[in-house]
Amino acid sequence: MAYVITDACVKCGACSEGCPVGAISEGEDKYVIDPDVCISCGACEATCPMGAIEEA
């Protein structure tokens, strides 16, 4: 199951740097996760200081 980034995202980039497969990119208002690339490892959730990432 892919992860999603909620509106609590402050665009710090920690999740993008922590993603081992490069599934996270900067969107207009927040970072976004490509569900086709996400391997559901949870690395992004663990690195987000805002707790803005959750399982879809």
PDB file of N, CA and C in Angstrom:
ATOM      1  N   MET A   1       0.838  -1.177   0.000  1.00  0.00           N
ATOM      2  CA  MET A   1       0.000   0.000   0.000  1.00  0.00           C
ATOM      3  C   MET A   1       0.890   1.249   0.000  1.00  0.00           C
ATOM      4  N   ALA A   2       0.660   2.136  -0.908  1.00  0.00           N
ATOM      5  CA  ALA A   2       1.462   3.355  -1.029  1.00  0.00           C
ATOM      6  C   ALA A   2       1.146   4.325   0.110  1.00  0.00           C
ATOM      7  N   TYR A   3       2.048   5.222   0.340  1.00  0.00           N
ATOM      8  CA  TYR A   3       1.863   6.264   1.340  1.00  0.00           C
ATOM      9  C   TYR A   3       1.397   7.538   0.658  1.00  0.00           C
ATOM     10  N   VAL A   4       0.782   8.439   1.430  1.00  0.00           N
ATOM     11  CA  VAL A   4       0.348   9.742   0.926  1.00  0.00           C
ATOM     12  C   VAL A   4       0.845  10.824   1.876  1.00  0.00           C
ATOM     13  N   ILE A   5       1.025  12.014   1.335  1.00  0.00           N
ATOM     14  CA  ILE A   5       1.457  13.157   2.133  1.00  0.00           C
ATOM     15  C   ILE A   5       0.252  14.055   2.336  1.00  0.00           C
ATOM     16  N   THR A   6      -0.040  14.374   3.582  1.00  0.00           N
ATOM     17  CA  THR A   6      -1.217  15.176   3.921  1.00  0.00           C
ATOM     18  C   THR A   6      -0.911  16.668   3.821  1.00  0.00           C
ATOM     19  N   ASP A   7      -1.938  17.469   4.059  1.00  0.00           N
ATOM     20  CA  ASP A   7      -1.792  18.921   4.008  1.00  0.00           C
ATOM     21  C   ASP A   7      -0.936  19.475   5.142  1.00  0.00           C
ATOM     22  N   ALA A   8      -0.537  18.643   6.088  1.00  0.00           N
ATOM     23  CA  ALA A   8       0.347  19.087   7.167  1.00  0.00           C
ATOM     24  C   ALA A   8       1.782  19.288   6.679  1.00  0.00           C
ATOM     25  N   CYS A   9       2.057  18.899   5.435  1.00  0.00           N
ATOM     26  CA  CYS A   9       3.397  19.031   4.844  1.00  0.00           C
ATOM     27  C   CYS A   9       3.819  20.501   4.787  1.00  0.00           C
ATOM     28  N   VAL A  10       5.054  20.767   5.209  1.00  0.00           N
ATOM     29  CA  VAL A  10       5.596  22.123   5.167  1.00  0.00           C
ATOM     30  C   VAL A  10       6.700  22.259   4.111  1.00  0.00           C
ATOM     31  N   LYS A  11       6.808  21.269   3.232  1.00  0.00           N
ATOM     32  CA  LYS A  11       7.766  21.267   2.124  1.00  0.00           C
ATOM     33  C   LYS A  11       9.218  21.391   2.585  1.00  0.00           C
ATOM     34  N   CYS A  12       9.582  20.653   3.622  1.00  0.00           N
ATOM     35  CA  CYS A  12      10.960  20.700   4.106  1.00  0.00           C
ATOM     36  C   CYS A  12      11.887  19.809   3.289  1.00  0.00           C
ATOM     37  N   GLY A  13      11.331  18.783   2.625  1.00  0.00           N
ATOM     38  CA  GLY A  13      12.125  17.905   1.776  1.00  0.00           C
ATOM     39  C   GLY A  13      12.738  16.705   2.452  1.00  0.00           C
ATOM     40  N   ALA A  14      12.538  16.545   3.750  1.00  0.00           N
ATOM     41  CA  ALA A  14      13.126  15.413   4.467  1.00  0.00           C
ATOM     42  C   ALA A  14      12.649  14.085   3.894  1.00  0.00           C
ATOM     43  N   CYS A  15      11.388  14.006   3.533  1.00  0.00           N
ATOM     44  CA  CYS A  15      10.833  12.755   3.009  1.00  0.00           C
ATOM     45  C   CYS A  15      11.448  12.391   1.665  1.00  0.00           C
ATOM     46  N   SER A  16      11.632  13.379   0.836  1.00  0.00           N
ATOM     47  CA  SER A  16      12.203  13.153  -0.491  1.00  0.00           C
ATOM     48  C   SER A  16      13.626  12.619  -0.391  1.00  0.00           C
ATOM     49  N   GLU A  17      14.391  13.185   0.508  1.00  0.00           N
ATOM     50  CA  GLU A  17      15.775  12.755   0.711  1.00  0.00           C
ATOM     51  C   GLU A  17      15.836  11.341   1.281  1.00  0.00           C
ATOM     52  N   GLY A  18      14.806  10.949   2.054  1.00  0.00           N
ATOM     53  CA  GLY A  18      14.808   9.641   2.692  1.00  0.00           C
ATOM     54  C   GLY A  18      14.219   8.523   1.858  1.00  0.00           C
ATOM     55  N   CYS A  19      13.633   8.858   0.699  1.00  0.00           N
ATOM     56  CA  CYS A  19      12.995   7.833  -0.123  1.00  0.00           C
ATOM     57  C   CYS A  19      14.030   7.064  -0.940  1.00  0.00           C
ATOM     58  N   PRO A  20      14.147   5.753  -0.735  1.00  0.00           N
ATOM     59  CA  PRO A  20      15.173   4.972  -1.431  1.00  0.00           C
ATOM     60  C   PRO A  20      14.901   4.739  -2.919  1.00  0.00           C
ATOM     61  N   VAL A  21      13.667   4.981  -3.373  1.00  0.00           N
ATOM     62  CA  VAL A  21      13.341   4.728  -4.782  1.00  0.00           C
ATOM     63  C   VAL A  21      12.987   5.997  -5.557  1.00  0.00           C
ATOM     64  N   GLY A  22      13.086   7.157  -4.920  1.00  0.00           N
ATOM     65  CA  GLY A  22      12.805   8.413  -5.604  1.00  0.00           C
ATOM     66  C   GLY A  22      11.346   8.616  -5.975  1.00  0.00           C
ATOM     67  N   ALA A  23      10.439   8.132  -5.137  1.00  0.00           N
ATOM     68  CA  ALA A  23       9.008   8.232  -5.431  1.00  0.00           C
ATOM     69  C   ALA A  23       8.403   9.574  -5.029  1.00  0.00           C
ATOM     70  N   ILE A  24       9.175  10.417  -4.356  1.00  0.00           N
ATOM     71  CA  ILE A  24       8.636  11.668  -3.826  1.00  0.00           C
ATOM     72  C   ILE A  24       9.211  12.860  -4.583  1.00  0.00           C
ATOM     73  N   SER A  25       8.310  13.754  -4.984  1.00  0.00           N
ATOM     74  CA  SER A  25       8.732  14.962  -5.688  1.00  0.00           C
ATOM     75  C   SER A  25       7.993  16.161  -5.117  1.00  0.00           C
ATOM     76  N   GLU A  26       8.545  17.349  -5.371  1.00  0.00           N
ATOM     77  CA  GLU A  26       7.942  18.565  -4.860  1.00  0.00           C
ATOM     78  C   GLU A  26       6.746  18.957  -5.720  1.00  0.00           C
ATOM     79  N   GLY A  27       5.603  19.091  -5.075  1.00  0.00           N
ATOM     80  CA  GLY A  27       4.394  19.519  -5.757  1.00  0.00           C
ATOM     81  C   GLY A  27       4.197  21.011  -5.566  1.00  0.00           C
ATOM     82  N   GLU A  28       3.066  21.497  -6.006  1.00  0.00           N
ATOM     83  CA  GLU A  28       2.790  22.932  -5.912  1.00  0.00           C
ATOM     84  C   GLU A  28       2.650  23.413  -4.471  1.00  0.00           C
ATOM     85  N   ASP A  29       1.869  22.676  -3.660  1.00  0.00           N
ATOM     86  CA  ASP A  29       1.620  23.084  -2.281  1.00  0.00           C
ATOM     87  C   ASP A  29       2.301  22.198  -1.245  1.00  0.00           C
ATOM     88  N   LYS A  30       2.683  20.994  -1.656  1.00  0.00           N
ATOM     89  CA  LYS A  30       3.309  20.032  -0.750  1.00  0.00           C
ATOM     90  C   LYS A  30       4.045  19.003  -1.588  1.00  0.00           C
ATOM     91  N   TYR A  31       4.826  18.160  -0.942  1.00  0.00           N
ATOM     92  CA  TYR A  31       5.474  17.061  -1.656  1.00  0.00           C
ATOM     93  C   TYR A  31       4.421  16.004  -1.972  1.00  0.00           C
ATOM     94  N   VAL A  32       4.652  15.245  -3.029  1.00  0.00           N
ATOM     95  CA  VAL A  32       3.714  14.205  -3.437  1.00  0.00           C
ATOM     96  C   VAL A  32       4.463  12.892  -3.660  1.00  0.00           C
ATOM     97  N   ILE A  33       3.762  11.787  -3.437  1.00  0.00           N
ATOM     98  CA  ILE A  33       4.329  10.455  -3.608  1.00  0.00           C
ATOM     99  C   ILE A  33       3.680   9.801  -4.822  1.00  0.00           C
ATOM    100  N   ASP A  34       4.505   9.305  -5.728  1.00  0.00           N
ATOM    101  CA  ASP A  34       4.009   8.591  -6.904  1.00  0.00           C
ATOM    102  C   ASP A  34       3.676   7.170  -6.459  1.00  0.00           C
ATOM    103  N   PRO A  35       2.385   6.813  -6.435  1.00  0.00           N
ATOM    104  CA  PRO A  35       2.004   5.489  -5.936  1.00  0.00           C
ATOM    105  C   PRO A  35       2.502   4.340  -6.810  1.00  0.00           C
ATOM    106  N   ASP A  36       2.832   4.616  -8.059  1.00  0.00           N
ATOM    107  CA  ASP A  36       3.345   3.569  -8.943  1.00  0.00           C
ATOM    108  C   ASP A  36       4.810   3.255  -8.672  1.00  0.00           C
ATOM    109  N   VAL A  37       5.502   4.173  -8.008  1.00  0.00           N
ATOM    110  CA  VAL A  37       6.922   3.997  -7.705  1.00  0.00           C
ATOM    111  C   VAL A  37       7.132   3.599  -6.239  1.00  0.00           C
ATOM    112  N   CYS A  38       6.250   4.056  -5.367  1.00  0.00           N
ATOM    113  CA  CYS A  38       6.350   3.797  -3.927  1.00  0.00           C
ATOM    114  C   CYS A  38       6.372   2.292  -3.645  1.00  0.00           C
ATOM    115  N   ILE A  39       7.329   1.870  -2.811  1.00  0.00           N
ATOM    116  CA  ILE A  39       7.437   0.452  -2.442  1.00  0.00           C
ATOM    117  C   ILE A  39       6.911   0.191  -1.021  1.00  0.00           C
ATOM    118  N   SER A  40       6.267   1.173  -0.444  1.00  0.00           N
ATOM    119  CA  SER A  40       5.644   1.065   0.880  1.00  0.00           C
ATOM    120  C   SER A  40       6.623   0.665   1.973  1.00  0.00           C
ATOM    121  N   CYS A  41       7.826   1.197   1.920  1.00  0.00           N
ATOM    122  CA  CYS A  41       8.843   0.839   2.913  1.00  0.00           C
ATOM    123  C   CYS A  41       8.700   1.614   4.217  1.00  0.00           C
ATOM    124  N   GLY A  42       8.033   2.784   4.177  1.00  0.00           N
ATOM    125  CA  GLY A  42       7.838   3.575   5.382  1.00  0.00           C
ATOM    126  C   GLY A  42       8.973   4.514   5.722  1.00  0.00           C
ATOM    127  N   ALA A  43      10.010   4.563   4.911  1.00  0.00           N
ATOM    128  CA  ALA A  43      11.149   5.439   5.200  1.00  0.00           C
ATOM    129  C   ALA A  43      10.718   6.905   5.253  1.00  0.00           C
ATOM    130  N   CYS A  44       9.830   7.303   4.379  1.00  0.00           N
ATOM    131  CA  CYS A  44       9.377   8.694   4.340  1.00  0.00           C
ATOM    132  C   CYS A  44       8.609   9.050   5.611  1.00  0.00           C
ATOM    133  N   GLU A  45       7.749   8.152   6.040  1.00  0.00           N
ATOM    134  CA  GLU A  45       6.957   8.390   7.250  1.00  0.00           C
ATOM    135  C   GLU A  45       7.872   8.578   8.458  1.00  0.00           C
ATOM    136  N   ALA A  46       8.923   7.796   8.507  1.00  0.00           N
ATOM    137  CA  ALA A  46       9.860   7.868   9.630  1.00  0.00           C
ATOM    138  C   ALA A  46      10.687   9.148   9.628  1.00  0.00           C
ATOM    139  N   THR A  47      10.898   9.758   8.461  1.00  0.00           N
ATOM    140  CA  THR A  47      11.746  10.948   8.386  1.00  0.00           C
ATOM    141  C   THR A  47      10.965  12.256   8.431  1.00  0.00           C
ATOM    142  N   CYS A  48       9.642  12.212   8.304  1.00  0.00           N
ATOM    143  CA  CYS A  48       8.848  13.438   8.273  1.00  0.00           C
ATOM    144  C   CYS A  48       8.727  14.048   9.674  1.00  0.00           C
ATOM    145  N   PRO A  49       9.272  15.262   9.877  1.00  0.00           N
ATOM    146  CA  PRO A  49       9.211  15.877  11.194  1.00  0.00           C
ATOM    147  C   PRO A  49       7.815  16.394  11.571  1.00  0.00           C
ATOM    148  N   MET A  50       6.941  16.510  10.582  1.00  0.00           N
ATOM    149  CA  MET A  50       5.584  17.021  10.816  1.00  0.00           C
ATOM    150  C   MET A  50       4.545  15.912  10.978  1.00  0.00           C
ATOM    151  N   GLY A  51       4.943  14.665  10.745  1.00  0.00           N
ATOM    152  CA  GLY A  51       3.983  13.569  10.824  1.00  0.00           C
ATOM    153  C   GLY A  51       2.932  13.671   9.731  1.00  0.00           C
ATOM    154  N   ALA A  52       3.346  14.200   8.575  1.00  0.00           N
ATOM    155  CA  ALA A  52       2.407  14.478   7.486  1.00  0.00           C
ATOM    156  C   ALA A  52       2.265  13.322   6.495  1.00  0.00           C
ATOM    157  N   ILE A  53       2.846  12.171   6.793  1.00  0.00           N
ATOM    158  CA  ILE A  53       2.786  11.042   5.863  1.00  0.00           C
ATOM    159  C   ILE A  53       2.079   9.875   6.531  1.00  0.00           C
ATOM    160  N   GLU A  54       1.146   9.290   5.765  1.00  0.00           N
ATOM    161  CA  GLU A  54       0.392   8.168   6.299  1.00  0.00           C
ATOM    162  C   GLU A  54       0.124   7.164   5.190  1.00  0.00           C
ATOM    163  N   GLU A  55      -0.231   5.947   5.587  1.00  0.00           N
ATOM    164  CA  GLU A  55      -0.584   4.917   4.605  1.00  0.00           C
ATOM    165  C   GLU A  55      -1.902   5.276   3.937  1.00  0.00           C
ATOM    166  N   ALA A  56      -1.961   5.040   2.636  1.00  0.00           N
ATOM    167  CA  ALA A  56      -3.189   5.354   1.878  1.00  0.00           C
ATOM    168  C   ALA A  56      -4.260   4.329   2.150  1.00  0.00           C
TER     169      ALA A  56
END
